[in-house]
N, C-alpha and C. Protein backbone atom coordinates (compact mmCIF):
# COMPACT_ATOMS: atom_id res chain seq x y z
N MET A 1 -2.36 -16.37 -15.91
CA MET A 1 -3.48 -16.07 -15.08
C MET A 1 -3.15 -14.94 -14.10
N PRO A 2 -2.73 -13.79 -14.62
CA PRO A 2 -2.37 -12.67 -13.75
C PRO A 2 -3.51 -12.21 -12.84
N ARG A 3 -4.72 -12.18 -13.36
CA ARG A 3 -5.86 -11.73 -12.56
C ARG A 3 -6.08 -12.67 -11.36
N ALA A 4 -6.02 -13.96 -11.60
CA ALA A 4 -6.19 -14.94 -10.51
C ALA A 4 -5.06 -14.79 -9.49
N GLN A 5 -3.85 -14.53 -9.94
CA GLN A 5 -2.71 -14.34 -9.03
C GLN A 5 -2.91 -13.07 -8.19
N PHE A 6 -3.43 -12.02 -8.82
CA PHE A 6 -3.71 -10.78 -8.09
C PHE A 6 -4.65 -11.06 -6.92
N TYR A 7 -5.75 -11.74 -7.19
CA TYR A 7 -6.72 -11.99 -6.12
C TYR A 7 -6.20 -13.01 -5.10
N ALA A 8 -5.37 -13.94 -5.53
CA ALA A 8 -4.73 -14.86 -4.57
C ALA A 8 -3.80 -14.08 -3.65
N ASP A 9 -3.05 -13.13 -4.20
CA ASP A 9 -2.15 -12.31 -3.39
C ASP A 9 -2.93 -11.41 -2.44
N VAL A 10 -4.07 -10.89 -2.88
CA VAL A 10 -4.91 -10.07 -2.00
C VAL A 10 -5.44 -10.92 -0.85
N ARG A 11 -5.91 -12.13 -1.15
CA ARG A 11 -6.40 -13.02 -0.08
C ARG A 11 -5.29 -13.31 0.92
N GLN A 12 -4.07 -13.51 0.45
CA GLN A 12 -2.92 -13.75 1.32
C GLN A 12 -2.69 -12.53 2.23
N ALA A 13 -2.75 -11.34 1.65
CA ALA A 13 -2.56 -10.12 2.43
C ALA A 13 -3.69 -9.91 3.43
N MET A 14 -4.89 -10.35 3.08
CA MET A 14 -6.03 -10.25 4.00
C MET A 14 -5.81 -11.12 5.24
N SER A 15 -5.30 -12.32 5.02
CA SER A 15 -5.12 -13.24 6.14
C SER A 15 -3.80 -13.03 6.89
N ASP A 16 -2.82 -12.46 6.22
CA ASP A 16 -1.50 -12.27 6.83
C ASP A 16 -0.87 -10.98 6.32
N PRO A 17 -1.31 -9.82 6.85
CA PRO A 17 -0.74 -8.55 6.37
C PRO A 17 0.78 -8.53 6.55
N PRO A 18 1.51 -7.92 5.61
CA PRO A 18 2.97 -7.96 5.63
C PRO A 18 3.64 -7.05 6.66
N ASN A 19 2.84 -6.28 7.40
CA ASN A 19 3.41 -5.36 8.38
C ASN A 19 2.38 -5.20 9.50
N PRO A 20 2.83 -5.12 10.76
CA PRO A 20 1.88 -5.00 11.86
C PRO A 20 1.05 -3.71 11.84
N ASN A 21 1.49 -2.72 11.10
CA ASN A 21 0.74 -1.46 11.02
C ASN A 21 -0.30 -1.46 9.90
N ILE A 22 -0.44 -2.56 9.21
CA ILE A 22 -1.44 -2.71 8.15
C ILE A 22 -2.55 -3.62 8.68
N SER A 23 -3.80 -3.19 8.49
CA SER A 23 -4.93 -4.03 8.90
C SER A 23 -6.11 -3.81 7.95
N ASN A 24 -7.13 -4.62 8.16
CA ASN A 24 -8.39 -4.49 7.40
C ASN A 24 -8.18 -4.47 5.89
N VAL A 25 -7.38 -5.39 5.39
CA VAL A 25 -7.15 -5.49 3.95
C VAL A 25 -8.35 -6.22 3.34
N TYR A 26 -8.98 -5.58 2.36
CA TYR A 26 -10.14 -6.17 1.69
C TYR A 26 -10.14 -5.80 0.22
N THR A 27 -10.80 -6.62 -0.57
CA THR A 27 -11.02 -6.23 -1.96
C THR A 27 -12.09 -5.16 -1.98
N GLY A 28 -11.96 -4.23 -2.88
CA GLY A 28 -12.93 -3.14 -2.97
C GLY A 28 -14.12 -3.52 -3.82
N GLU A 29 -14.98 -2.56 -4.04
CA GLU A 29 -16.19 -2.79 -4.81
C GLU A 29 -15.92 -2.93 -6.30
N GLU A 30 -14.83 -2.36 -6.77
CA GLU A 30 -14.49 -2.42 -8.19
C GLU A 30 -13.35 -3.41 -8.42
N ASP A 31 -13.29 -3.95 -9.60
CA ASP A 31 -12.21 -4.85 -9.97
C ASP A 31 -10.88 -4.11 -9.87
N GLY A 32 -9.91 -4.72 -9.19
CA GLY A 32 -8.59 -4.13 -9.05
C GLY A 32 -8.44 -3.18 -7.88
N LEU A 33 -9.46 -3.06 -7.04
CA LEU A 33 -9.42 -2.15 -5.90
C LEU A 33 -9.21 -2.92 -4.60
N VAL A 34 -8.28 -2.44 -3.78
CA VAL A 34 -7.97 -3.04 -2.48
C VAL A 34 -8.01 -1.92 -1.45
N THR A 35 -8.71 -2.14 -0.34
CA THR A 35 -8.76 -1.16 0.73
C THR A 35 -7.98 -1.69 1.93
N PHE A 36 -7.43 -0.79 2.73
CA PHE A 36 -6.71 -1.19 3.94
C PHE A 36 -6.56 0.01 4.85
N ASP A 37 -6.18 -0.27 6.08
CA ASP A 37 -5.90 0.78 7.06
C ASP A 37 -4.43 0.71 7.45
N TYR A 38 -3.83 1.87 7.59
CA TYR A 38 -2.45 1.98 8.08
C TYR A 38 -2.53 2.63 9.46
N HIS A 39 -1.96 1.97 10.47
CA HIS A 39 -1.94 2.48 11.85
C HIS A 39 -0.61 3.16 12.11
N ARG A 40 -0.66 4.40 12.54
CA ARG A 40 0.55 5.16 12.80
C ARG A 40 1.33 4.55 13.97
N PRO A 41 2.65 4.36 13.84
CA PRO A 41 3.43 3.80 14.94
C PRO A 41 3.52 4.73 16.15
N ASP A 42 3.42 6.04 15.91
CA ASP A 42 3.50 7.00 17.01
C ASP A 42 2.17 7.16 17.74
N ARG A 43 1.07 6.74 17.10
CA ARG A 43 -0.27 6.79 17.69
C ARG A 43 -1.08 5.63 17.14
N PRO A 44 -0.87 4.42 17.67
CA PRO A 44 -1.51 3.22 17.10
C PRO A 44 -3.04 3.28 17.01
N SER A 45 -3.68 4.09 17.85
CA SER A 45 -5.14 4.18 17.78
C SER A 45 -5.60 5.03 16.59
N ARG A 46 -4.69 5.78 15.99
CA ARG A 46 -5.02 6.59 14.82
C ARG A 46 -4.61 5.82 13.57
N PHE A 47 -5.49 5.83 12.60
CA PHE A 47 -5.16 5.14 11.36
C PHE A 47 -5.59 5.98 10.17
N ILE A 48 -5.02 5.64 9.03
CA ILE A 48 -5.35 6.28 7.76
C ILE A 48 -5.92 5.20 6.86
N SER A 49 -7.14 5.41 6.39
CA SER A 49 -7.75 4.48 5.44
C SER A 49 -7.20 4.79 4.06
N MET A 50 -6.88 3.72 3.33
CA MET A 50 -6.26 3.89 2.01
C MET A 50 -6.84 2.90 1.01
N GLU A 51 -6.55 3.18 -0.25
CA GLU A 51 -6.92 2.27 -1.33
C GLU A 51 -5.74 2.11 -2.27
N ILE A 52 -5.69 0.93 -2.84
CA ILE A 52 -4.75 0.61 -3.91
C ILE A 52 -5.60 0.27 -5.12
N PHE A 53 -5.23 0.79 -6.26
CA PHE A 53 -5.97 0.46 -7.47
C PHE A 53 -5.00 0.04 -8.57
N ILE A 54 -5.27 -1.10 -9.17
CA ILE A 54 -4.53 -1.55 -10.34
C ILE A 54 -5.50 -1.44 -11.52
N PRO A 55 -5.20 -0.59 -12.49
CA PRO A 55 -6.15 -0.36 -13.58
C PRO A 55 -6.51 -1.62 -14.39
N ASP A 56 -5.58 -2.53 -14.52
CA ASP A 56 -5.85 -3.73 -15.32
C ASP A 56 -5.25 -4.95 -14.62
N THR A 57 -6.10 -5.72 -13.94
CA THR A 57 -5.61 -6.88 -13.20
C THR A 57 -5.02 -7.95 -14.12
N PHE A 58 -5.31 -7.89 -15.41
CA PHE A 58 -4.76 -8.86 -16.34
C PHE A 58 -3.28 -8.62 -16.65
N THR A 59 -2.75 -7.49 -16.17
CA THR A 59 -1.32 -7.21 -16.36
C THR A 59 -0.51 -7.45 -15.09
N TYR A 60 -1.20 -7.91 -14.01
CA TYR A 60 -0.53 -8.11 -12.73
C TYR A 60 0.62 -9.10 -12.87
N ARG A 61 1.75 -8.71 -12.30
CA ARG A 61 3.02 -9.46 -12.34
C ARG A 61 3.59 -9.59 -13.75
N VAL A 62 3.06 -8.81 -14.68
CA VAL A 62 3.59 -8.81 -16.04
C VAL A 62 4.11 -7.40 -16.36
N SER A 63 3.20 -6.44 -16.39
CA SER A 63 3.59 -5.06 -16.71
C SER A 63 2.59 -4.09 -16.06
N HIS A 64 2.41 -4.22 -14.78
CA HIS A 64 1.40 -3.43 -14.09
C HIS A 64 1.99 -2.30 -13.26
N HIS A 65 1.12 -1.41 -12.86
CA HIS A 65 1.44 -0.38 -11.89
C HIS A 65 0.20 -0.16 -11.02
N PHE A 66 0.38 0.51 -9.90
CA PHE A 66 -0.70 0.76 -8.96
C PHE A 66 -0.86 2.25 -8.73
N TYR A 67 -2.02 2.61 -8.25
CA TYR A 67 -2.27 3.93 -7.68
C TYR A 67 -2.53 3.69 -6.19
N VAL A 68 -1.90 4.46 -5.35
CA VAL A 68 -2.07 4.34 -3.90
C VAL A 68 -2.51 5.71 -3.40
N TYR A 69 -3.62 5.75 -2.66
CA TYR A 69 -4.11 7.02 -2.17
C TYR A 69 -4.87 6.84 -0.86
N ALA A 70 -4.92 7.91 -0.09
CA ALA A 70 -5.63 7.91 1.18
C ALA A 70 -7.10 8.24 0.93
N THR A 71 -7.96 7.59 1.68
CA THR A 71 -9.40 7.87 1.59
C THR A 71 -9.94 8.49 2.87
N SER A 72 -9.11 8.59 3.90
CA SER A 72 -9.53 9.23 5.15
C SER A 72 -9.87 10.68 4.86
N LYS A 73 -10.89 11.17 5.53
CA LYS A 73 -11.32 12.56 5.30
C LYS A 73 -10.49 13.57 6.10
N SER A 74 -9.81 13.09 7.15
CA SER A 74 -8.99 14.01 7.94
C SER A 74 -7.74 13.28 8.42
N GLY A 75 -6.79 14.07 8.87
CA GLY A 75 -5.58 13.50 9.45
C GLY A 75 -4.54 13.07 8.43
N VAL A 76 -4.72 13.45 7.18
CA VAL A 76 -3.76 13.08 6.15
C VAL A 76 -2.97 14.33 5.77
N SER A 77 -1.72 14.35 6.16
CA SER A 77 -0.88 15.52 5.91
C SER A 77 -0.39 15.55 4.47
N VAL A 78 0.15 16.68 4.09
CA VAL A 78 0.76 16.83 2.77
C VAL A 78 1.92 15.83 2.64
N ALA A 79 2.67 15.62 3.71
CA ALA A 79 3.80 14.68 3.68
C ALA A 79 3.33 13.27 3.35
N VAL A 80 2.18 12.86 3.91
CA VAL A 80 1.64 11.53 3.60
C VAL A 80 1.26 11.47 2.12
N GLY A 81 0.61 12.50 1.63
CA GLY A 81 0.23 12.54 0.21
C GLY A 81 1.44 12.45 -0.70
N LEU A 82 2.50 13.16 -0.35
CA LEU A 82 3.73 13.11 -1.15
C LEU A 82 4.37 11.73 -1.09
N ALA A 83 4.34 11.10 0.08
CA ALA A 83 4.89 9.75 0.22
C ALA A 83 4.12 8.77 -0.65
N LEU A 84 2.80 8.87 -0.65
CA LEU A 84 1.98 7.97 -1.47
C LEU A 84 2.21 8.23 -2.96
N GLU A 85 2.46 9.46 -3.31
CA GLU A 85 2.77 9.79 -4.71
C GLU A 85 4.09 9.14 -5.12
N ARG A 86 5.10 9.21 -4.25
CA ARG A 86 6.40 8.56 -4.55
C ARG A 86 6.22 7.05 -4.69
N ILE A 87 5.44 6.46 -3.80
CA ILE A 87 5.21 5.02 -3.86
C ILE A 87 4.49 4.65 -5.15
N THR A 88 3.48 5.42 -5.51
CA THR A 88 2.75 5.16 -6.76
C THR A 88 3.71 5.17 -7.95
N LYS A 89 4.59 6.14 -8.00
CA LYS A 89 5.54 6.24 -9.12
C LYS A 89 6.51 5.06 -9.16
N ALA A 90 6.79 4.46 -8.00
CA ALA A 90 7.75 3.35 -7.93
C ALA A 90 7.06 1.98 -7.85
N SER A 91 5.76 1.91 -8.12
CA SER A 91 5.00 0.69 -7.88
C SER A 91 5.04 -0.34 -9.01
N ALA A 92 5.60 0.01 -10.14
CA ALA A 92 5.60 -0.91 -11.28
C ALA A 92 6.26 -2.23 -10.91
N GLY A 93 5.54 -3.31 -11.13
CA GLY A 93 6.08 -4.64 -10.93
C GLY A 93 6.00 -5.19 -9.52
N LEU A 94 5.61 -4.38 -8.53
CA LEU A 94 5.53 -4.88 -7.16
C LEU A 94 4.32 -5.80 -7.00
N THR A 95 4.41 -6.74 -6.08
CA THR A 95 3.25 -7.55 -5.72
C THR A 95 2.44 -6.76 -4.69
N ILE A 96 1.23 -7.22 -4.41
CA ILE A 96 0.41 -6.58 -3.39
C ILE A 96 1.14 -6.58 -2.05
N LYS A 97 1.73 -7.70 -1.68
CA LYS A 97 2.46 -7.80 -0.41
C LYS A 97 3.61 -6.78 -0.38
N GLU A 98 4.38 -6.71 -1.45
CA GLU A 98 5.49 -5.76 -1.51
C GLU A 98 4.99 -4.32 -1.43
N LEU A 99 3.88 -4.05 -2.10
CA LEU A 99 3.35 -2.69 -2.09
C LEU A 99 2.85 -2.31 -0.70
N LEU A 100 2.08 -3.18 -0.05
CA LEU A 100 1.62 -2.90 1.31
C LEU A 100 2.79 -2.72 2.26
N CYS A 101 3.79 -3.55 2.13
CA CYS A 101 4.98 -3.46 2.97
C CYS A 101 5.70 -2.13 2.73
N THR A 102 5.81 -1.73 1.48
CA THR A 102 6.47 -0.48 1.13
C THR A 102 5.71 0.72 1.69
N VAL A 103 4.37 0.70 1.56
CA VAL A 103 3.55 1.77 2.13
C VAL A 103 3.81 1.87 3.63
N ALA A 104 3.73 0.74 4.32
CA ALA A 104 3.92 0.75 5.78
C ALA A 104 5.31 1.23 6.16
N MET A 105 6.33 0.73 5.49
CA MET A 105 7.70 1.11 5.84
C MET A 105 7.95 2.60 5.56
N GLU A 106 7.46 3.09 4.44
CA GLU A 106 7.64 4.50 4.09
C GLU A 106 6.93 5.38 5.13
N LEU A 107 5.69 5.04 5.47
CA LEU A 107 4.95 5.86 6.43
C LEU A 107 5.48 5.67 7.85
N ASP A 108 5.94 4.47 8.19
CA ASP A 108 6.58 4.26 9.49
C ASP A 108 7.76 5.20 9.64
N GLN A 109 8.56 5.27 8.59
CA GLN A 109 9.74 6.14 8.63
C GLN A 109 9.32 7.60 8.71
N LEU A 110 8.30 7.96 7.97
CA LEU A 110 7.81 9.34 7.98
C LEU A 110 7.35 9.75 9.37
N PHE A 111 6.55 8.90 10.02
CA PHE A 111 6.02 9.25 11.33
C PHE A 111 7.04 9.05 12.45
N SER A 112 8.01 8.18 12.26
CA SER A 112 8.99 7.93 13.31
C SER A 112 10.10 8.96 13.33
N THR A 113 10.55 9.38 12.16
CA THR A 113 11.71 10.27 12.11
C THR A 113 11.48 11.51 11.27
N ALA A 114 10.31 11.63 10.69
CA ALA A 114 10.02 12.72 9.77
C ALA A 114 11.01 12.73 8.62
N GLY A 115 11.51 11.55 8.27
CA GLY A 115 12.45 11.44 7.17
C GLY A 115 11.77 11.00 5.89
N VAL A 116 12.49 11.07 4.82
CA VAL A 116 11.99 10.64 3.52
C VAL A 116 12.77 9.41 3.11
N ALA A 117 12.07 8.34 2.84
CA ALA A 117 12.72 7.08 2.50
C ALA A 117 12.96 6.98 1.00
N ASN A 118 13.88 6.13 0.63
CA ASN A 118 14.10 5.77 -0.76
C ASN A 118 13.15 4.61 -1.06
N VAL A 119 12.10 4.88 -1.84
CA VAL A 119 11.06 3.89 -2.08
C VAL A 119 11.61 2.63 -2.73
N SER A 120 12.53 2.75 -3.65
CA SER A 120 13.09 1.56 -4.30
C SER A 120 13.80 0.66 -3.31
N GLU A 121 14.53 1.25 -2.37
CA GLU A 121 15.22 0.46 -1.36
C GLU A 121 14.23 -0.22 -0.43
N LEU A 122 13.14 0.46 -0.07
CA LEU A 122 12.13 -0.14 0.81
C LEU A 122 11.48 -1.33 0.14
N ALA A 123 11.14 -1.21 -1.12
CA ALA A 123 10.48 -2.30 -1.84
C ALA A 123 11.38 -3.54 -1.88
N SER A 124 12.67 -3.33 -1.97
CA SER A 124 13.57 -4.49 -2.05
C SER A 124 13.71 -5.21 -0.70
N THR A 125 13.31 -4.57 0.40
CA THR A 125 13.39 -5.23 1.71
C THR A 125 12.10 -5.95 2.08
N CYS A 126 11.08 -5.79 1.31
CA CYS A 126 9.78 -6.42 1.61
C CYS A 126 9.72 -7.85 1.14
């Protein structure tokens, strides 16, 4: 029941986001779509709206991958786009909680130190 597990994990993330900089986690209008906001640690009042998409929820926790992208119309730098691209490439097999945690940790590091994180190492700490 991978699809049911996917939605159970999304509900868990909605009620208890895995990182304090993640908020407003909701299921999207399409199957496999999750929306959320990431709040910058250097400017907590500023946030980036994002979406996660899993093309086939029936492969969740079996052989899935995600697409992670920003939906904010402004305030998204090239560095954020590159970070989300790295996360997308390393997303195979992660749970929703692990993916949200990885996004937050990668972007926290980007905004805190302007550094580039090792996405695989971040996912293992979530």
